N, C-alpha and C. Protein backbone atom coordinates (compact mmCIF):
# COMPACT_ATOMS: atom_id res chain seq x y z
N UNK A 1 109.67 127.78 102.18
CA UNK A 1 110.63 128.45 103.02
C UNK A 1 111.78 127.48 103.30
N UNK A 2 112.98 127.89 102.99
CA UNK A 2 114.15 127.04 103.19
C UNK A 2 114.60 127.10 104.65
N UNK A 3 114.99 125.94 105.16
CA UNK A 3 115.50 125.89 106.52
C UNK A 3 116.98 126.25 106.51
N UNK A 4 117.39 126.99 107.52
CA UNK A 4 118.80 127.30 107.66
C UNK A 4 119.43 126.24 108.55
N UNK A 5 120.66 125.89 108.22
CA UNK A 5 121.37 124.90 109.02
C UNK A 5 121.66 125.47 110.40
N UNK A 6 121.38 124.67 111.41
CA UNK A 6 121.64 125.07 112.79
C UNK A 6 123.15 125.08 113.03
N UNK A 7 123.67 126.05 113.77
CA UNK A 7 125.10 126.07 114.07
C UNK A 7 125.53 124.79 114.78
N UNK A 8 126.73 124.32 114.48
CA UNK A 8 127.23 123.09 115.07
C UNK A 8 127.25 123.13 116.59
N UNK A 9 127.52 124.30 117.16
CA UNK A 9 127.57 124.41 118.62
C UNK A 9 126.20 124.12 119.24
N UNK A 10 125.13 124.56 118.58
CA UNK A 10 123.79 124.28 119.10
C UNK A 10 123.42 122.82 118.92
N UNK A 11 123.85 122.22 117.81
CA UNK A 11 123.60 120.80 117.58
C UNK A 11 124.31 119.97 118.63
N UNK A 12 125.54 120.33 118.96
CA UNK A 12 126.31 119.61 119.99
C UNK A 12 125.64 119.76 121.35
N UNK A 13 125.15 120.95 121.66
CA UNK A 13 124.46 121.19 122.93
C UNK A 13 123.19 120.35 123.01
N UNK A 14 122.43 120.31 121.93
CA UNK A 14 121.20 119.53 121.88
C UNK A 14 121.49 118.05 122.12
N UNK A 15 122.55 117.54 121.50
CA UNK A 15 122.93 116.14 121.69
C UNK A 15 123.37 115.87 123.13
N UNK A 16 124.12 116.81 123.71
CA UNK A 16 124.59 116.66 125.09
C UNK A 16 123.41 116.64 126.06
N UNK A 17 122.44 117.50 125.85
CA UNK A 17 121.25 117.52 126.70
C UNK A 17 120.51 116.19 126.57
N UNK A 18 120.34 115.72 125.36
CA UNK A 18 119.68 114.44 125.13
C UNK A 18 120.40 113.28 125.81
N UNK A 19 121.72 113.30 125.75
CA UNK A 19 122.51 112.25 126.40
C UNK A 19 122.30 112.27 127.90
N UNK A 20 122.33 113.45 128.51
CA UNK A 20 122.13 113.54 129.97
C UNK A 20 120.72 113.12 130.37
N UNK A 21 119.73 113.45 129.55
CA UNK A 21 118.36 113.00 129.82
C UNK A 21 118.34 111.47 129.80
N UNK A 22 118.97 110.89 128.81
CA UNK A 22 119.01 109.44 128.68
C UNK A 22 119.70 108.79 129.88
N UNK A 23 120.84 109.34 130.30
CA UNK A 23 121.57 108.79 131.45
C UNK A 23 120.70 108.77 132.69
N UNK A 24 120.05 109.89 133.00
CA UNK A 24 119.22 109.98 134.19
C UNK A 24 118.00 109.07 134.07
N UNK A 25 117.36 109.09 132.92
CA UNK A 25 116.16 108.26 132.73
C UNK A 25 116.48 106.79 132.90
N UNK A 26 117.60 106.34 132.34
CA UNK A 26 117.96 104.92 132.43
C UNK A 26 118.16 104.47 133.88
N UNK A 27 118.65 105.36 134.74
CA UNK A 27 118.84 105.00 136.14
C UNK A 27 117.54 105.03 136.93
N UNK A 28 116.67 105.96 136.61
CA UNK A 28 115.44 106.13 137.37
C UNK A 28 114.29 105.33 136.78
N UNK A 29 114.19 105.32 135.47
CA UNK A 29 113.05 104.73 134.78
C UNK A 29 113.56 104.06 133.49
N UNK A 30 114.00 102.80 133.58
CA UNK A 30 114.60 102.16 132.41
C UNK A 30 113.70 102.05 131.18
N UNK A 31 112.40 102.03 131.37
CA UNK A 31 111.48 101.89 130.24
C UNK A 31 111.19 103.27 129.64
N UNK A 32 111.74 103.52 128.46
CA UNK A 32 111.57 104.81 127.80
C UNK A 32 110.11 105.10 127.46
N UNK A 33 109.38 104.11 127.03
CA UNK A 33 107.97 104.31 126.67
C UNK A 33 107.13 104.71 127.89
N UNK A 34 107.40 104.07 129.02
CA UNK A 34 106.68 104.39 130.24
C UNK A 34 107.01 105.81 130.70
N UNK A 35 108.26 106.19 130.60
CA UNK A 35 108.67 107.55 130.96
C UNK A 35 107.96 108.57 130.08
N UNK A 36 107.94 108.31 128.79
CA UNK A 36 107.27 109.21 127.85
C UNK A 36 105.79 109.34 128.20
N UNK A 37 105.15 108.22 128.52
CA UNK A 37 103.73 108.24 128.88
C UNK A 37 103.50 109.10 130.12
N UNK A 38 104.35 108.95 131.13
CA UNK A 38 104.20 109.73 132.36
C UNK A 38 104.45 111.22 132.13
N UNK A 39 105.28 111.54 131.14
CA UNK A 39 105.57 112.93 130.81
C UNK A 39 104.52 113.54 129.87
N UNK A 40 103.70 112.69 129.29
CA UNK A 40 102.68 113.18 128.37
C UNK A 40 103.19 113.47 126.98
N UNK A 41 104.26 112.77 126.58
CA UNK A 41 104.78 112.92 125.22
C UNK A 41 104.81 111.56 124.56
N UNK A 42 104.88 111.55 123.25
CA UNK A 42 104.98 110.31 122.51
C UNK A 42 106.36 109.68 122.73
N UNK A 43 106.42 108.37 122.74
CA UNK A 43 107.69 107.66 122.94
C UNK A 43 108.70 108.03 121.86
N UNK A 44 108.24 108.24 120.63
CA UNK A 44 109.17 108.61 119.56
C UNK A 44 109.75 110.00 119.79
N UNK A 45 108.99 110.89 120.41
CA UNK A 45 109.48 112.23 120.73
C UNK A 45 110.61 112.14 121.75
N UNK A 46 110.39 111.38 122.82
CA UNK A 46 111.43 111.23 123.84
C UNK A 46 112.66 110.55 123.25
N UNK A 47 112.44 109.58 122.38
CA UNK A 47 113.57 108.91 121.71
C UNK A 47 114.39 109.90 120.89
N UNK A 48 113.73 110.76 120.13
CA UNK A 48 114.43 111.76 119.32
C UNK A 48 115.19 112.75 120.19
N UNK A 49 114.60 113.13 121.31
CA UNK A 49 115.27 114.07 122.23
C UNK A 49 116.52 113.41 122.80
N UNK A 50 116.40 112.17 123.25
CA UNK A 50 117.55 111.48 123.83
C UNK A 50 118.66 111.25 122.81
N UNK A 51 118.32 111.06 121.56
CA UNK A 51 119.33 110.90 120.50
C UNK A 51 119.93 112.23 120.07
N UNK A 52 119.29 113.33 120.45
CA UNK A 52 119.77 114.65 120.07
C UNK A 52 119.23 115.12 118.74
N UNK A 53 118.21 114.45 118.23
CA UNK A 53 117.61 114.84 116.95
C UNK A 53 116.53 115.90 117.11
N UNK A 54 116.11 116.12 118.35
CA UNK A 54 115.06 117.10 118.61
C UNK A 54 115.37 117.79 119.93
N UNK A 55 115.12 119.09 119.98
CA UNK A 55 115.35 119.86 121.21
C UNK A 55 114.14 119.73 122.14
N UNK A 56 114.37 119.51 123.43
CA UNK A 56 113.25 119.47 124.36
C UNK A 56 112.74 120.87 124.66
N UNK A 57 111.47 120.98 124.93
CA UNK A 57 110.92 122.28 125.31
C UNK A 57 111.32 122.59 126.75
N UNK A 58 111.21 123.85 127.13
CA UNK A 58 111.52 124.25 128.50
C UNK A 58 110.55 123.56 129.46
N UNK A 59 109.33 123.33 129.04
CA UNK A 59 108.35 122.66 129.88
C UNK A 59 108.70 121.19 130.09
N UNK A 60 109.23 120.55 129.05
CA UNK A 60 109.64 119.16 129.17
C UNK A 60 110.90 119.05 130.04
N UNK A 61 111.81 120.01 129.93
CA UNK A 61 113.00 120.02 130.79
C UNK A 61 112.56 120.10 132.26
N UNK A 62 111.59 120.97 132.56
CA UNK A 62 111.10 121.10 133.93
C UNK A 62 110.45 119.80 134.40
N UNK A 63 109.65 119.18 133.55
CA UNK A 63 108.98 117.93 133.91
C UNK A 63 109.99 116.80 134.11
N UNK A 64 110.98 116.73 133.23
CA UNK A 64 112.03 115.71 133.36
C UNK A 64 112.83 115.91 134.63
N UNK A 65 113.16 117.14 134.94
CA UNK A 65 113.90 117.45 136.15
C UNK A 65 113.16 116.93 137.37
N UNK A 66 111.87 117.19 137.42
CA UNK A 66 111.05 116.74 138.54
C UNK A 66 110.92 115.23 138.57
N UNK A 67 110.58 114.65 137.46
CA UNK A 67 110.31 113.20 137.39
C UNK A 67 111.58 112.38 137.63
N UNK A 68 112.73 112.87 137.13
CA UNK A 68 113.98 112.10 137.23
C UNK A 68 114.83 112.47 138.45
N UNK A 69 114.36 113.44 139.25
CA UNK A 69 115.04 113.86 140.48
C UNK A 69 116.43 114.43 140.20
N UNK A 70 116.54 115.17 139.11
CA UNK A 70 117.79 115.86 138.78
C UNK A 70 117.49 117.34 138.60
N UNK A 71 118.53 118.16 138.71
CA UNK A 71 118.33 119.59 138.53
C UNK A 71 118.31 119.94 137.04
N UNK A 72 117.75 121.08 136.75
CA UNK A 72 117.81 121.56 135.38
C UNK A 72 119.27 121.88 135.01
N UNK A 73 120.09 122.26 136.00
CA UNK A 73 121.52 122.47 135.74
C UNK A 73 122.16 121.20 135.20
N UNK A 74 121.77 120.05 135.76
CA UNK A 74 122.32 118.79 135.25
C UNK A 74 121.88 118.56 133.81
N UNK A 75 120.59 118.70 133.55
CA UNK A 75 120.09 118.41 132.21
C UNK A 75 120.67 119.37 131.17
N UNK A 76 120.78 120.64 131.51
CA UNK A 76 121.23 121.64 130.54
C UNK A 76 122.74 121.79 130.47
N UNK A 77 123.43 121.66 131.62
CA UNK A 77 124.87 121.93 131.65
C UNK A 77 125.75 120.77 132.09
N UNK A 78 125.15 119.72 132.62
CA UNK A 78 125.95 118.59 133.09
C UNK A 78 126.57 118.82 134.46
N UNK A 79 125.98 119.72 135.25
CA UNK A 79 126.50 120.02 136.58
C UNK A 79 125.58 119.37 137.62
N UNK A 80 126.16 118.48 138.43
CA UNK A 80 125.40 117.84 139.49
C UNK A 80 125.50 118.70 140.73
N UNK A 81 124.36 119.14 141.24
CA UNK A 81 124.38 120.01 142.42
C UNK A 81 123.35 119.56 143.44
N UNK A 82 123.13 120.36 144.44
CA UNK A 82 122.26 120.01 145.55
C UNK A 82 120.81 119.80 145.18
N UNK A 83 120.38 120.23 144.03
CA UNK A 83 118.99 120.01 143.62
C UNK A 83 118.80 118.65 142.96
N UNK A 84 119.90 117.93 142.78
CA UNK A 84 119.83 116.58 142.23
C UNK A 84 119.86 115.61 143.40
N UNK A 85 119.00 114.61 143.36
CA UNK A 85 118.98 113.57 144.37
C UNK A 85 120.40 113.06 144.60
N UNK A 86 120.87 113.08 145.87
CA UNK A 86 122.28 112.77 146.16
C UNK A 86 122.70 111.39 145.70
N UNK A 87 121.89 110.38 145.99
CA UNK A 87 122.25 109.02 145.59
C UNK A 87 122.33 108.92 144.06
N UNK A 88 121.38 109.51 143.38
CA UNK A 88 121.38 109.50 141.92
C UNK A 88 122.60 110.24 141.38
N UNK A 89 122.93 111.37 141.99
CA UNK A 89 124.09 112.16 141.55
C UNK A 89 125.37 111.34 141.68
N UNK A 90 125.52 110.62 142.76
CA UNK A 90 126.72 109.81 142.95
C UNK A 90 126.78 108.66 141.94
N UNK A 91 125.63 108.06 141.64
CA UNK A 91 125.60 106.99 140.63
C UNK A 91 125.93 107.54 139.24
N UNK A 92 125.38 108.72 138.91
CA UNK A 92 125.68 109.34 137.61
C UNK A 92 127.16 109.68 137.50
N UNK A 93 127.72 110.25 138.57
CA UNK A 93 129.13 110.62 138.55
C UNK A 93 130.02 109.40 138.44
N UNK A 94 129.64 108.30 139.06
CA UNK A 94 130.43 107.07 138.96
C UNK A 94 130.40 106.49 137.55
N UNK A 95 129.25 106.56 136.92
CA UNK A 95 129.11 106.02 135.56
C UNK A 95 129.68 106.95 134.49
N UNK A 96 129.66 108.26 134.77
CA UNK A 96 130.06 109.26 133.78
C UNK A 96 130.98 110.28 134.43
N UNK A 97 132.28 109.94 134.57
CA UNK A 97 133.22 110.82 135.29
C UNK A 97 133.39 112.20 134.66
N UNK A 98 132.94 112.39 133.44
CA UNK A 98 133.06 113.70 132.81
C UNK A 98 132.10 114.73 133.39
N UNK A 99 131.13 114.26 134.18
CA UNK A 99 130.19 115.18 134.81
C UNK A 99 130.87 115.96 135.93
N UNK A 100 130.38 117.15 136.18
CA UNK A 100 130.91 117.99 137.24
C UNK A 100 130.05 117.76 138.48
N UNK A 101 130.66 117.22 139.52
CA UNK A 101 129.95 116.95 140.77
C UNK A 101 130.33 118.00 141.78
N UNK A 102 129.37 118.80 142.19
CA UNK A 102 129.62 119.86 143.17
C UNK A 102 129.28 119.31 144.55
N UNK A 103 130.22 118.63 145.15
CA UNK A 103 129.98 117.95 146.43
C UNK A 103 129.63 118.91 147.56
N UNK A 104 130.17 120.12 147.56
CA UNK A 104 129.85 121.04 148.64
C UNK A 104 128.37 121.36 148.66
N UNK A 105 127.70 121.31 147.53
CA UNK A 105 126.27 121.54 147.49
C UNK A 105 125.48 120.28 147.83
N UNK A 106 126.11 119.14 147.62
CA UNK A 106 125.40 117.89 147.79
C UNK A 106 125.14 117.59 149.26
N UNK A 107 126.10 117.80 150.14
CA UNK A 107 125.95 117.43 151.54
C UNK A 107 126.57 118.50 152.43
N UNK A 108 125.91 119.61 152.61
CA UNK A 108 126.49 120.67 153.43
C UNK A 108 126.60 120.23 154.89
N UNK A 109 127.67 120.67 155.52
CA UNK A 109 127.90 120.44 156.95
C UNK A 109 128.03 118.98 157.33
N UNK A 110 128.51 118.11 156.46
CA UNK A 110 128.63 116.70 156.81
C UNK A 110 129.88 116.43 157.64
N UNK A 111 130.82 117.35 157.67
CA UNK A 111 132.07 117.08 158.38
C UNK A 111 132.06 117.67 159.79
N UNK A 112 130.93 118.16 160.24
CA UNK A 112 130.88 118.71 161.59
C UNK A 112 129.56 118.37 162.26
N UNK A 113 129.55 118.44 163.54
CA UNK A 113 128.35 118.15 164.30
C UNK A 113 127.38 119.32 164.14
N UNK A 114 126.17 119.05 163.70
CA UNK A 114 125.22 120.14 163.47
C UNK A 114 124.18 120.24 164.57
N UNK A 115 124.38 119.50 165.66
CA UNK A 115 123.44 119.56 166.76
C UNK A 115 123.43 120.96 167.37
N UNK A 116 122.24 121.42 167.73
CA UNK A 116 122.13 122.76 168.31
C UNK A 116 122.68 122.80 169.73
N UNK A 117 122.88 121.61 170.35
CA UNK A 117 123.44 121.56 171.70
C UNK A 117 124.94 121.78 171.72
N UNK A 118 125.59 121.62 170.61
CA UNK A 118 127.04 121.75 170.54
C UNK A 118 127.41 123.01 169.78
N UNK A 119 127.86 124.04 170.48
CA UNK A 119 128.21 125.28 169.78
C UNK A 119 129.52 125.12 169.01
N UNK A 120 129.70 125.96 167.99
CA UNK A 120 130.96 125.97 167.26
C UNK A 120 132.07 126.43 168.18
N UNK A 121 133.26 125.86 168.02
CA UNK A 121 134.37 126.33 168.84
C UNK A 121 134.68 127.79 168.50
N UNK A 122 135.09 128.57 169.50
CA UNK A 122 135.39 129.98 169.22
C UNK A 122 136.59 130.12 168.31
N UNK A 123 136.57 131.12 167.45
CA UNK A 123 137.67 131.40 166.53
C UNK A 123 138.73 132.19 167.25
N UNK A 124 139.96 131.83 167.01
CA UNK A 124 141.07 132.61 167.55
C UNK A 124 141.28 133.82 166.65
N UNK A 125 141.70 134.93 167.21
CA UNK A 125 141.88 136.15 166.39
C UNK A 125 142.93 135.98 165.31
N UNK A 126 143.89 135.08 165.50
CA UNK A 126 144.96 134.94 164.49
C UNK A 126 144.62 133.91 163.43
N UNK A 127 143.43 133.24 163.49
CA UNK A 127 143.05 132.28 162.48
C UNK A 127 142.56 132.99 161.22
N UNK A 128 142.94 132.44 160.10
CA UNK A 128 142.44 132.99 158.83
C UNK A 128 141.09 132.38 158.53
N UNK A 129 140.22 133.16 157.98
CA UNK A 129 138.91 132.67 157.57
C UNK A 129 138.96 132.40 156.08
N UNK A 130 138.58 131.19 155.70
CA UNK A 130 138.61 130.79 154.28
C UNK A 130 137.24 130.76 153.73
């Protein structure tokens, strides 16, 4: 049975996912072999995934997301959101400015007092709501 060539767009996506896995793993767990062991995969498998030579399974994406403290959105799309550990997200964004950092999801309500003792100031009728 002859293999059909994978479309270039899927190959590029596979490489991008592998790159993001590598970025997160290097910050959280620099030893690739140890990471592979904890995930229950062979070190050569993780190496191939990080290089973009092999696609990760959905189960491995879920395990990586949990183990590396990043969201599946980050691994699959490169979007850093509230499901990614905030400190890790900021380090990733600093090292790789091409990533999309959704700060509003990262730290909701940081610009106001969230104490239950302090009520929100009343809205004036002529104020616009954004």
